Amino acid sequence: MEGWQMYSKIQAMKEQGFSIRQVARITHVSRNTVSKYWDMNPHEYAEKYKEVNRTTALTAYEPIILKWLETYPCMTAAQVRDWLEERHHLDIADRTMRRVVADIREQYGITRRTEPRREYEAVEELPKGQQLQLDFGEKPVRNAHNSRYIKLYFAAFTLSYSRYKWGIFQERPFLSSDLVKALYGCFEYFGGMPKQLVYDQDSIIVVSENGGDIVHTQAFTAFLADTKLDVRVCRKSDPESKGLIEASVKFIKGNFMENRFFTGIDMWNQSFCDWLVRTGNGRPHGTTKKKPSEMFIEEQEHLLPLYGVAPSEIADEMGRIVRADNTILYLSNRYSLPLGTYGKTKTVCLAVQGDELHIMDQAGETIATHKISKEKGRLIKLESHRRDRTARIQEILNKTTALLGEDFKEYLTILCEKKPRYAREQLDIITSLCENYGRERVLEALKYCRTLELWSANDLKDAVTAFQEQSATPPQAARLPVCDEKYHTPVQKRALSVYAEIAAEGGVAR
């Protein structure tokens, strides 16, 4: 519905006595829009219409903007403006872009899903060339080749005075060597160094707080020795001390990375450099109201010259927390430490040399060395880090042998070898049989099992039970006393001549 037609229809239905709710339901227009035009007279609408007409240059691009907003409801007006400038070379004022996007959202009922915003405390502005803030970010993006998501990692840098930004992306988490190379790349991009570097207590930079005497990784310590930079480590849960870089990371995620398809890391970094020129450093900053690129011209003169160059080889080293199961995490795998490490130290240092991962204590002594696994989610464990159960099993075996005799030591030894994981339980069963049935009964069953080569304590238990049942005395039948006349039946006595006569006649005696 055209603007004037919508205004006229709303006013006509108002004259007919319809309510705002009824008008919104009948015209399929939001109640906010109906309310906006409800008390507006024709003259006020004409002035409003003139102002809206200033955006007619974007009319041809409204279908494109609508498609973007429907596909990516979280898009901001700033990102829409950046995409139009990147893809259609349009230079549009921010205020105009916000108004157009708001109108499209209102007309088509597209709401924006936003995340809760973090609040920051205002800090004093720093002098030119004084400070550079550093932070890391990561975000999954859609791969253009297979539509699957891939996680990208980036390091971002922002000069505190001019808000001039730089950054670099890669497809894996940053190591100490990656950070040092990125810092040298940042200084080369800026054409100089600041006096101070501000960063978080990240494991690839800081090994330990050490009560304020910060212990850095080996690679970062060498970098500080070469550049002579002053550093400031932010406390945990204190984002306000580096709010500029926090905002930059959020800006990169929301404006550059959001809804952008990944076609390759080189092309992605090139697109990011173009975005920095066009938007990241080319648009006025919300606080200074100036373009960072213009303010950087003033600040660049106050940067220090770069001391040295990036070394060709940088030893990777980083800190890790020792887990309660005596392992550390590295690139999504768990690597074992000797038993008892967790009780001795809470943090260790990692150093990568080729395909080997060296784990060291705070004094630099090597605790363990592992081959780096290319898989994910695995436990990489050295045999020497497994619990030694043989000494305890041997002690129980010796006690059981002493109980049964040396003749059965071979049988007990074979039994333990057959079931190494349950050797202790097997020996405990045999000891329990001796307590319940007696040693002699168990020895008898042991001879039987040894003959039949039954190497199991449970088979021995069955044999002991069977022998016990066989040896039990069966119940005897009751015998009647012969001396008691009441148990005897009287029998008639006859002479032998009687039986002879009967036999001769072939009869039967009665």
Protein backbone atom coordinates (compact mmCIF):
# COMPACT_ATOMS: atom_id res chain seq x y z
CA MET A 1 0.00 0.00 0.00
CA GLU A 2 1.38 3.42 -1.00
CA GLY A 3 2.07 5.94 1.75
CA TRP A 4 -0.63 8.46 0.82
CA GLN A 5 -3.21 5.73 0.26
CA MET A 6 -2.41 4.20 3.64
CA TYR A 7 -2.66 7.61 5.36
CA SER A 8 -5.99 8.37 3.64
CA LYS A 9 -7.46 4.98 4.53
CA ILE A 10 -6.43 5.31 8.18
CA GLN A 11 -7.99 8.77 8.43
CA ALA A 12 -11.19 7.56 6.69
CA MET A 13 -11.61 4.61 9.06
CA LYS A 14 -10.91 6.92 11.99
CA GLU A 15 -13.81 9.17 10.87
CA GLN A 16 -16.05 6.08 10.66
CA GLY A 17 -15.35 5.32 14.34
CA PHE A 18 -12.92 2.44 14.02
CA SER A 19 -10.32 1.99 16.79
CA ILE A 20 -6.57 1.78 16.21
CA ARG A 21 -6.64 -1.96 16.94
CA GLN A 22 -9.44 -2.53 14.41
CA VAL A 23 -7.70 -0.44 11.72
CA ALA A 24 -4.45 -2.35 12.20
CA ARG A 25 -6.26 -5.69 11.91
CA ILE A 26 -8.22 -4.71 8.78
CA THR A 27 -5.38 -3.01 6.88
CA HIS A 28 -2.74 -5.54 8.00
CA VAL A 29 -0.53 -2.68 9.19
CA SER A 30 1.23 -2.64 12.55
CA ARG A 31 -0.44 -0.72 15.38
CA ASN A 32 2.67 1.46 15.71
CA THR A 33 2.28 2.65 12.11
CA VAL A 34 -1.44 3.30 12.57
CA SER A 35 -0.72 5.26 15.76
CA LYS A 36 1.96 7.30 13.95
CA TYR A 37 -0.57 8.53 11.34
CA TRP A 38 -3.63 8.59 13.65
CA ASP A 39 -3.36 12.20 14.83
CA MET A 40 -1.29 13.52 11.90
CA ASN A 41 -3.02 16.24 9.84
CA PRO A 42 -2.57 16.44 6.05
CA HIS A 43 -0.01 19.29 6.29
CA GLU A 44 2.17 17.32 8.72
CA TYR A 45 1.93 14.26 6.48
CA ALA A 46 3.01 16.32 3.45
CA GLU A 47 6.14 17.52 5.27
CA LYS A 48 6.85 13.94 6.34
CA TYR A 49 6.32 12.71 2.79
CA LYS A 50 8.86 15.20 1.43
CA GLU A 51 11.45 13.93 3.88
CA VAL A 52 10.77 10.31 2.94
CA ASN A 53 11.13 11.17 -0.75
CA ARG A 54 14.79 11.91 -0.15
CA THR A 55 15.37 8.16 0.07
CA THR A 56 13.96 7.45 -3.40
CA ALA A 57 17.51 6.79 -4.64
CA LEU A 58 17.39 3.54 -2.67
CA THR A 59 14.00 2.46 -4.05
CA ALA A 60 15.60 0.25 -6.70
CA TYR A 61 17.62 -1.54 -4.02
CA GLU A 62 14.74 -2.20 -1.61
CA PRO A 63 14.14 -5.76 -2.95
CA ILE A 64 17.82 -6.54 -2.32
CA ILE A 65 17.73 -5.05 1.18
CA LEU A 66 14.49 -6.91 1.90
CA LYS A 67 16.05 -10.22 0.85
CA TRP A 68 19.07 -9.58 3.08
CA LEU A 69 16.91 -8.73 6.07
CA GLU A 70 14.67 -11.76 5.56
CA THR A 71 17.69 -14.05 5.21
CA TYR A 72 19.67 -12.43 8.01
CA PRO A 73 17.25 -10.79 10.48
CA CYS A 74 20.15 -9.79 12.72
CA MET A 75 21.65 -7.45 10.08
CA THR A 76 22.26 -3.92 11.22
CA ALA A 77 21.71 -0.84 9.10
CA ALA A 78 25.48 -0.25 9.19
CA GLN A 79 26.13 -3.67 7.68
CA VAL A 80 23.45 -3.15 5.01
CA ARG A 81 25.13 0.16 4.09
CA ASP A 82 28.54 -1.57 3.96
CA TRP A 83 27.24 -4.34 1.70
CA LEU A 84 25.62 -1.82 -0.68
CA GLU A 85 28.86 0.13 -0.82
CA GLU A 86 30.92 -3.04 -1.34
CA ARG A 87 28.71 -4.63 -4.01
CA HIS A 88 26.96 -1.69 -5.68
CA HIS A 89 29.37 1.19 -4.90
CA LEU A 90 26.66 3.32 -3.25
CA ASP A 91 27.68 6.07 -0.84
CA ILE A 92 24.73 6.46 1.54
CA ALA A 93 24.46 8.52 4.71
CA ASP A 94 24.13 6.48 7.90
CA ARG A 95 20.98 8.30 8.97
CA THR A 96 19.31 7.64 5.62
CA MET A 97 20.28 4.00 5.73
CA ARG A 98 18.90 3.56 9.23
CA ARG A 99 15.59 5.12 8.18
CA VAL A 100 15.26 2.93 5.09
CA VAL A 101 16.07 -0.26 6.98
CA ALA A 102 13.67 0.68 9.78
CA ASP A 103 10.87 1.33 7.26
CA ILE A 104 11.44 -2.01 5.53
CA ARG A 105 11.46 -3.83 8.85
CA GLU A 106 8.25 -2.12 9.90
CA GLN A 107 6.49 -2.66 6.56
CA TYR A 108 7.29 -6.38 6.37
CA GLY A 109 7.29 -7.14 10.09
CA ILE A 110 10.96 -8.17 10.25
CA THR A 111 12.27 -7.97 13.79
CA ARG A 112 15.94 -7.95 14.62
CA ARG A 113 17.36 -10.49 17.07
CA THR A 114 20.02 -8.83 19.14
CA GLU A 115 22.30 -9.96 21.96
CA PRO A 116 22.42 -8.16 25.31
CA ARG A 117 24.91 -5.34 25.22
CA ARG A 118 27.82 -5.16 27.63
CA GLU A 119 28.25 -1.90 29.49
CA TYR A 120 31.66 -0.21 29.71
CA GLU A 121 33.03 2.48 31.98
CA ALA A 122 34.34 5.59 30.24
CA VAL A 123 38.12 6.06 30.42
CA GLU A 124 40.30 9.07 29.79
CA GLU A 125 41.51 9.63 26.25
CA LEU A 126 45.16 8.66 25.78
CA PRO A 127 47.77 10.71 23.92
CA LYS A 128 48.77 9.95 20.34
CA GLY A 129 50.95 6.90 19.82
CA GLN A 130 50.63 5.85 23.44
CA GLN A 131 48.70 2.57 23.42
CA LEU A 132 47.72 -0.37 21.23
CA GLN A 133 45.08 -2.82 22.44
CA LEU A 134 45.11 -6.49 21.43
CA ASP A 135 42.45 -9.20 21.64
CA PHE A 136 41.37 -12.42 19.96
CA GLY A 137 38.05 -13.51 18.50
CA GLU A 138 36.48 -16.50 16.84
CA LYS A 139 33.25 -17.08 14.98
CA PRO A 140 31.77 -19.84 12.77
CA VAL A 141 31.02 -18.78 9.20
CA ARG A 142 29.40 -20.67 6.34
CA ASN A 143 31.66 -22.27 3.76
CA ALA A 144 30.63 -21.21 0.25
CA HIS A 145 31.68 -24.56 -1.25
CA ASN A 146 29.63 -26.96 0.89
CA SER A 147 27.40 -24.69 3.05
CA ARG A 148 28.94 -26.14 6.20
CA TYR A 149 30.20 -23.96 9.01
CA ILE A 150 33.90 -23.44 9.61
CA LYS A 151 35.31 -21.64 12.63
CA LEU A 152 37.68 -18.75 11.91
CA TYR A 153 40.06 -17.26 14.46
CA PHE A 154 41.39 -13.71 14.33
CA ALA A 155 43.65 -11.33 16.19
CA ALA A 156 42.51 -7.69 16.29
CA PHE A 157 44.52 -4.55 17.09
CA THR A 158 43.24 -1.02 17.81
CA LEU A 159 45.18 2.18 18.51
CA SER A 160 43.58 3.87 21.52
CA TYR A 161 43.79 7.45 20.26
CA SER A 162 42.69 7.20 16.62
CA ARG A 163 40.74 3.88 16.88
CA TYR A 164 42.68 2.78 13.81
CA LYS A 165 42.29 -0.98 13.40
CA TRP A 166 44.07 -3.95 11.88
CA GLY A 167 43.68 -7.70 12.14
CA ILE A 168 44.38 -11.06 10.57
CA PHE A 169 42.40 -14.32 10.29
CA GLN A 170 43.43 -17.96 10.25
CA GLU A 171 41.69 -21.34 10.31
CA ARG A 172 43.18 -22.63 13.59
CA PRO A 173 43.69 -21.20 17.08
CA PHE A 174 46.58 -18.78 17.46
CA LEU A 175 49.91 -19.96 18.84
CA SER A 176 52.64 -17.79 20.33
CA SER A 177 54.47 -17.74 16.99
CA ASP A 178 51.29 -16.70 15.15
CA LEU A 179 50.76 -13.80 17.56
CA VAL A 180 54.34 -12.55 17.25
CA LYS A 181 54.12 -12.66 13.44
CA ALA A 182 50.76 -10.84 13.62
CA LEU A 183 52.27 -8.11 15.82
CA TYR A 184 55.10 -7.52 13.39
CA GLY A 185 52.55 -7.46 10.57
CA CYS A 186 50.46 -4.92 12.50
CA PHE A 187 53.46 -2.63 13.11
CA GLU A 188 54.36 -2.85 9.44
CA TYR A 189 50.77 -1.91 8.52
CA PHE A 190 50.84 1.06 10.93
CA GLY A 191 54.34 2.09 9.90
CA GLY A 192 55.57 2.10 13.51
CA MET A 193 54.98 0.92 17.07
CA PRO A 194 53.09 2.36 20.05
CA LYS A 195 54.72 2.83 23.43
CA GLN A 196 52.45 0.38 25.27
CA LEU A 197 50.66 -2.87 24.44
CA VAL A 198 47.51 -3.89 26.35
CA TYR A 199 46.24 -7.48 26.29
CA ASP A 200 44.38 -10.17 28.21
CA GLN A 201 45.89 -13.01 30.24
CA ASP A 202 45.77 -15.33 27.26
CA SER A 203 47.64 -18.61 27.51
CA ILE A 204 49.73 -17.95 24.40
CA ILE A 205 51.00 -14.72 25.99
CA VAL A 206 50.98 -15.19 29.76
CA VAL A 207 52.13 -18.35 31.52
CA SER A 208 51.38 -17.13 35.06
CA GLU A 209 50.36 -13.96 36.92
CA ASN A 210 52.95 -14.79 39.59
CA GLY A 211 51.55 -12.26 42.03
CA GLY A 212 52.00 -9.38 39.61
CA ASP A 213 55.40 -10.44 38.25
CA ILE A 214 53.97 -11.67 34.97
CA VAL A 215 55.63 -14.71 33.42
CA HIS A 216 55.33 -14.59 29.61
CA THR A 217 55.77 -17.35 27.09
CA GLN A 218 59.19 -17.80 25.57
CA ALA A 219 58.21 -16.46 22.15
CA PHE A 220 56.50 -13.38 23.58
CA THR A 221 59.41 -12.73 25.96
CA ALA A 222 61.78 -12.71 23.00
CA PHE A 223 59.43 -10.35 21.15
CA LEU A 224 59.38 -7.90 24.07
CA ALA A 225 63.16 -8.05 24.32
CA ASP A 226 63.48 -7.13 20.63
CA THR A 227 60.85 -4.36 20.54
CA LYS A 228 61.35 -2.86 24.04
CA LEU A 229 57.59 -2.41 24.32
CA ASP A 230 55.95 -1.51 27.60
CA VAL A 231 53.13 -3.96 28.37
CA ARG A 232 50.01 -3.93 30.49
CA VAL A 233 48.14 -7.12 31.34
CA CYS A 234 44.44 -6.70 32.09
CA ARG A 235 43.01 -8.40 35.15
CA LYS A 236 40.51 -11.18 34.75
CA SER A 237 36.85 -10.12 34.33
CA ASP A 238 37.90 -6.53 33.66
CA PRO A 239 36.91 -5.79 30.07
CA GLU A 240 36.51 -2.06 30.72
CA SER A 241 40.31 -1.66 30.86
CA LYS A 242 40.42 -2.58 27.16
CA GLY A 243 36.94 -1.60 26.05
CA LEU A 244 38.17 -0.24 22.70
CA ILE A 245 39.40 -3.59 21.47
CA GLU A 246 36.34 -5.34 22.91
CA ALA A 247 34.19 -3.05 20.78
CA SER A 248 36.42 -3.64 17.75
CA VAL A 249 36.11 -7.41 18.08
CA LYS A 250 32.34 -7.09 18.33
CA PHE A 251 32.31 -4.73 15.32
CA ILE A 252 34.36 -7.17 13.23
CA LYS A 253 32.09 -10.07 14.12
CA GLY A 254 28.83 -8.20 13.57
CA ASN A 255 29.66 -6.02 10.57
CA PHE A 256 32.28 -7.91 8.59
CA MET A 257 31.90 -11.62 9.50
CA GLU A 258 28.14 -11.85 9.98
CA ASN A 259 26.38 -13.49 6.99
CA ARG A 260 29.56 -13.50 4.88
CA PHE A 261 30.48 -16.70 3.03
CA PHE A 262 33.98 -18.18 3.32
CA THR A 263 35.77 -18.96 0.04
CA GLY A 264 39.36 -19.26 1.27
CA ILE A 265 41.58 -17.73 3.93
CA ASP A 266 43.58 -15.57 1.51
CA MET A 267 40.49 -14.10 -0.10
CA TRP A 268 38.90 -13.66 3.34
CA ASN A 269 41.89 -11.65 4.62
CA GLN A 270 41.90 -9.56 1.43
CA SER A 271 38.19 -8.83 1.87
CA PHE A 272 38.91 -7.86 5.48
CA CYS A 273 41.61 -5.40 4.38
CA ASP A 274 39.13 -3.87 1.92
CA TRP A 275 36.55 -3.68 4.71
CA LEU A 276 39.04 -1.88 6.95
CA VAL A 277 39.63 0.78 4.30
CA ARG A 278 35.95 1.06 3.47
CA THR A 279 34.26 0.70 6.85
CA GLY A 280 36.50 -0.29 9.77
CA ASN A 281 38.75 2.75 9.40
CA GLY A 282 36.83 4.63 6.71
CA ARG A 283 33.61 5.47 8.55
CA PRO A 284 33.30 8.00 11.40
CA HIS A 285 33.74 6.46 14.84
CA GLY A 286 30.71 6.63 17.12
CA THR A 287 32.64 8.30 19.95
CA THR A 288 35.14 10.60 18.20
CA LYS A 289 32.77 11.39 15.29
CA LYS A 290 35.83 11.29 13.06
CA LYS A 291 37.16 8.71 10.65
CA PRO A 292 39.94 6.60 12.23
CA SER A 293 41.90 6.89 8.97
CA GLU A 294 41.94 10.68 9.29
CA MET A 295 42.92 10.63 12.97
CA PHE A 296 45.61 8.05 12.23
CA ILE A 297 47.42 10.55 10.00
CA GLU A 298 47.98 12.67 13.11
CA GLU A 299 48.85 9.71 15.33
CA GLN A 300 51.25 8.03 12.92
CA GLU A 301 53.82 10.77 13.47
CA HIS A 302 53.99 9.83 17.18
CA LEU A 303 54.60 6.11 16.64
CA LEU A 304 58.02 4.69 17.45
CA PRO A 305 60.20 3.23 14.71
CA LEU A 306 60.09 -0.57 14.49
CA TYR A 307 63.09 -2.24 16.12
CA GLY A 308 64.18 -5.40 14.33
CA VAL A 309 62.18 -7.67 12.06
CA ALA A 310 60.15 -10.79 12.62
CA PRO A 311 62.45 -13.82 13.05
CA SER A 312 62.12 -16.55 10.46
CA GLU A 313 61.58 -19.21 13.12
CA ILE A 314 59.68 -18.60 16.35
CA ALA A 315 59.45 -21.25 19.05
CA ASP A 316 55.86 -21.80 20.06
CA GLU A 317 55.30 -21.80 23.79
CA MET A 318 52.18 -21.30 25.84
CA GLY A 319 50.86 -21.91 29.32
CA ARG A 320 48.33 -24.54 30.27
CA ILE A 321 46.46 -25.49 33.43
CA VAL A 322 47.12 -29.00 34.72
CA ARG A 323 43.86 -30.92 35.01
CA ALA A 324 42.97 -33.10 37.98
CA ASP A 325 43.53 -36.26 35.90
CA ASN A 326 47.15 -35.17 35.23
CA THR A 327 46.56 -34.06 31.63
CA ILE A 328 46.69 -30.81 29.68
CA LEU A 329 44.64 -29.69 26.68
CA TYR A 330 46.32 -28.81 23.38
CA LEU A 331 44.52 -28.42 20.04
CA SER A 332 41.46 -30.38 21.21
CA ASN A 333 43.48 -33.35 22.52
CA ARG A 334 44.51 -34.39 26.04
CA TYR A 335 48.19 -35.10 26.69
CA SER A 336 49.25 -37.04 29.79
CA LEU A 337 51.61 -35.96 32.55
CA PRO A 338 53.33 -38.13 35.17
CA LEU A 339 51.08 -39.14 38.07
CA GLY A 340 51.26 -36.60 40.87
CA THR A 341 51.93 -33.58 38.62
CA TYR A 342 48.58 -32.04 39.51
CA GLY A 343 49.50 -32.05 43.19
CA LYS A 344 52.88 -30.41 42.57
CA THR A 345 52.03 -27.63 40.09
CA LYS A 346 48.89 -26.08 38.68
CA THR A 347 50.35 -24.65 35.45
CA VAL A 348 52.93 -25.83 32.93
CA CYS A 349 54.55 -24.41 29.80
CA LEU A 350 54.14 -25.92 26.34
CA ALA A 351 56.69 -25.64 23.55
CA VAL A 352 56.26 -26.98 20.02
CA GLN A 353 59.30 -28.18 18.13
CA GLY A 354 58.47 -29.79 14.80
CA ASP A 355 55.91 -32.51 15.46
CA GLU A 356 56.75 -32.79 19.17
CA LEU A 357 55.02 -31.16 22.12
CA HIS A 358 57.32 -30.43 25.08
CA ILE A 359 55.68 -29.89 28.48
CA MET A 360 57.83 -28.05 31.05
CA ASP A 361 57.46 -26.82 34.61
CA GLN A 362 57.94 -23.23 35.69
CA ALA A 363 61.69 -23.79 36.06
CA GLY A 364 61.95 -24.90 32.45
CA GLU A 365 62.54 -28.57 33.22
CA THR A 366 60.91 -30.95 30.75
CA ILE A 367 58.13 -33.03 32.34
CA ALA A 368 56.94 -34.93 29.26
CA THR A 369 57.38 -35.04 25.49
CA HIS A 370 54.61 -36.22 23.14
CA LYS A 371 54.16 -36.66 19.43
CA ILE A 372 51.50 -34.16 18.33
CA SER A 373 48.34 -35.89 17.16
CA LYS A 374 46.50 -34.60 14.07
CA GLU A 375 43.22 -36.07 15.32
CA LYS A 376 40.69 -34.44 17.65
CA GLY A 377 39.32 -35.47 21.02
CA ARG A 378 41.98 -38.10 21.76
CA LEU A 379 43.90 -38.94 24.94
CA ILE A 380 47.61 -39.13 24.16
CA LYS A 381 49.17 -41.09 27.05
CA LEU A 382 52.70 -42.38 27.58
CA GLU A 383 53.19 -45.84 29.06
CA SER A 384 55.39 -44.37 31.78
CA HIS A 385 52.43 -42.23 32.90
CA ARG A 386 50.24 -45.22 33.68
CA ARG A 387 49.75 -46.30 37.28
CA ASP A 388 52.21 -49.08 38.28
CA ARG A 389 50.06 -51.86 39.72
CA THR A 390 52.63 -54.69 39.41
CA ALA A 391 54.31 -54.09 42.77
CA ARG A 392 51.04 -54.27 44.69
CA ILE A 393 49.89 -57.37 42.75
CA GLN A 394 53.22 -59.09 43.44
CA GLU A 395 52.85 -58.38 47.15
CA ILE A 396 49.37 -59.98 47.24
CA LEU A 397 50.62 -62.92 45.15
CA ASN A 398 53.43 -63.57 47.63
CA LYS A 399 51.00 -63.56 50.58
CA THR A 400 48.62 -65.97 48.84
CA THR A 401 51.52 -68.28 47.93
CA ALA A 402 52.69 -68.30 51.54
CA LEU A 403 49.17 -69.28 52.59
CA LEU A 404 48.81 -72.18 50.12
CA GLY A 405 52.41 -73.29 49.72
CA GLU A 406 55.11 -73.03 47.09
CA ASP A 407 53.69 -76.01 45.18
CA PHE A 408 50.85 -73.81 43.94
CA LYS A 409 52.89 -70.69 43.12
CA GLU A 410 52.98 -71.59 39.42
CA TYR A 411 49.19 -71.99 39.31
CA LEU A 412 48.63 -68.62 41.02
CA THR A 413 51.13 -66.92 38.72
CA ILE A 414 49.45 -68.29 35.59
CA LEU A 415 46.06 -67.25 36.98
CA CYS A 416 47.30 -63.64 37.36
CA GLU A 417 48.79 -63.67 33.86
CA LYS A 418 45.55 -64.92 32.35
CA LYS A 419 43.55 -62.10 33.95
CA PRO A 420 46.01 -59.20 34.46
CA ARG A 421 43.30 -56.56 34.96
CA TYR A 422 41.57 -58.65 37.65
CA ALA A 423 44.58 -60.31 39.28
CA ARG A 424 43.92 -58.68 42.62
CA GLU A 425 40.25 -59.71 42.62
CA GLN A 426 41.18 -63.29 41.69
CA LEU A 427 43.65 -63.61 44.57
CA ASP A 428 41.15 -62.05 46.97
CA ILE A 429 38.59 -64.75 46.03
CA ILE A 430 41.12 -67.50 46.82
CA THR A 431 41.96 -65.96 50.19
CA SER A 432 38.24 -65.71 50.99
CA LEU A 433 37.77 -69.42 50.11
CA CYS A 434 40.46 -70.37 52.61
CA GLU A 435 38.69 -68.40 55.32
CA ASN A 436 35.26 -69.93 54.58
CA TYR A 437 36.08 -73.56 53.70
CA GLY A 438 39.50 -74.13 55.19
CA ARG A 439 42.93 -74.43 53.64
CA GLU A 440 42.80 -78.22 53.11
CA ARG A 441 39.57 -78.04 51.12
CA VAL A 442 41.01 -75.31 48.90
CA LEU A 443 44.20 -77.28 48.31
CA GLU A 444 42.13 -80.28 47.21
CA ALA A 445 40.22 -78.08 44.73
CA LEU A 446 43.46 -76.45 43.54
CA LYS A 447 44.89 -79.86 42.56
CA TYR A 448 41.70 -80.60 40.64
CA CYS A 449 41.72 -77.26 38.77
CA ARG A 450 45.43 -77.52 38.00
CA THR A 451 44.90 -80.97 36.48
CA LEU A 452 42.08 -79.71 34.25
CA GLU A 453 43.87 -76.38 33.56
CA LEU A 454 41.05 -74.27 34.93
CA TRP A 455 42.73 -70.88 35.37
CA SER A 456 40.00 -68.98 37.19
CA ALA A 457 39.27 -68.28 40.84
CA ASN A 458 35.56 -68.70 40.10
CA ASP A 459 36.19 -72.21 38.73
CA LEU A 460 38.17 -72.93 41.88
CA LYS A 461 35.25 -71.67 43.97
CA ASP A 462 32.87 -74.04 42.15
CA ALA A 463 35.28 -76.94 42.75
CA VAL A 464 35.57 -76.14 46.47
CA THR A 465 31.78 -76.03 46.79
CA ALA A 466 31.39 -79.36 44.97
CA PHE A 467 33.98 -81.13 47.10
CA GLN A 468 32.34 -79.76 50.22
CA GLU A 469 28.94 -81.16 49.20
CA GLN A 470 30.42 -84.58 48.34
CA SER A 471 32.25 -84.92 51.63
CA ALA A 472 29.20 -84.15 53.73
CA THR A 473 27.91 -87.36 55.74
CA PRO A 474 24.59 -88.55 54.20
CA PRO A 475 21.67 -89.14 56.64
CA GLN A 476 21.36 -92.83 57.85
CA ALA A 477 18.07 -94.79 58.02
CA ALA A 478 16.65 -95.41 61.56
CA ARG A 479 17.27 -98.90 62.97
CA LEU A 480 14.53 -100.65 65.02
CA PRO A 481 15.55 -102.06 68.43
CA VAL A 482 15.45 -105.93 68.49
CA CYS A 483 14.97 -106.26 72.23
CA ASP A 484 11.54 -104.65 72.36
CA GLU A 485 8.73 -107.28 71.93
CA LYS A 486 6.23 -104.66 70.74
CA TYR A 487 8.06 -104.40 67.44
CA HIS A 488 7.76 -108.27 66.76
CA THR A 489 4.80 -110.07 65.07
CA PRO A 490 3.98 -113.61 66.45
CA VAL A 491 4.30 -116.45 63.84
CA GLN A 492 2.44 -119.77 63.99
CA LYS A 493 4.72 -122.81 64.36
CA ARG A 494 3.99 -126.08 62.47
CA ALA A 495 5.60 -129.49 62.35
CA LEU A 496 7.69 -130.43 59.30
CA SER A 497 5.36 -133.38 58.56
CA VAL A 498 2.60 -130.93 57.76
CA TYR A 499 4.67 -129.29 54.98
CA ALA A 500 5.66 -132.71 53.62
CA GLU A 501 2.03 -133.80 53.25
CA ILE A 502 1.11 -130.57 51.53
CA ALA A 503 3.98 -130.86 49.09
CA ALA A 504 2.97 -134.46 48.23
CA GLU A 505 -0.63 -133.44 47.52
CA GLY A 506 0.42 -130.33 45.56
CA GLY A 507 -1.58 -128.05 47.81
CA VAL A 508 -0.90 -124.95 49.77
CA ALA A 509 -0.71 -124.69 53.51
CA ARG A 510 -3.30 -122.44 55.05
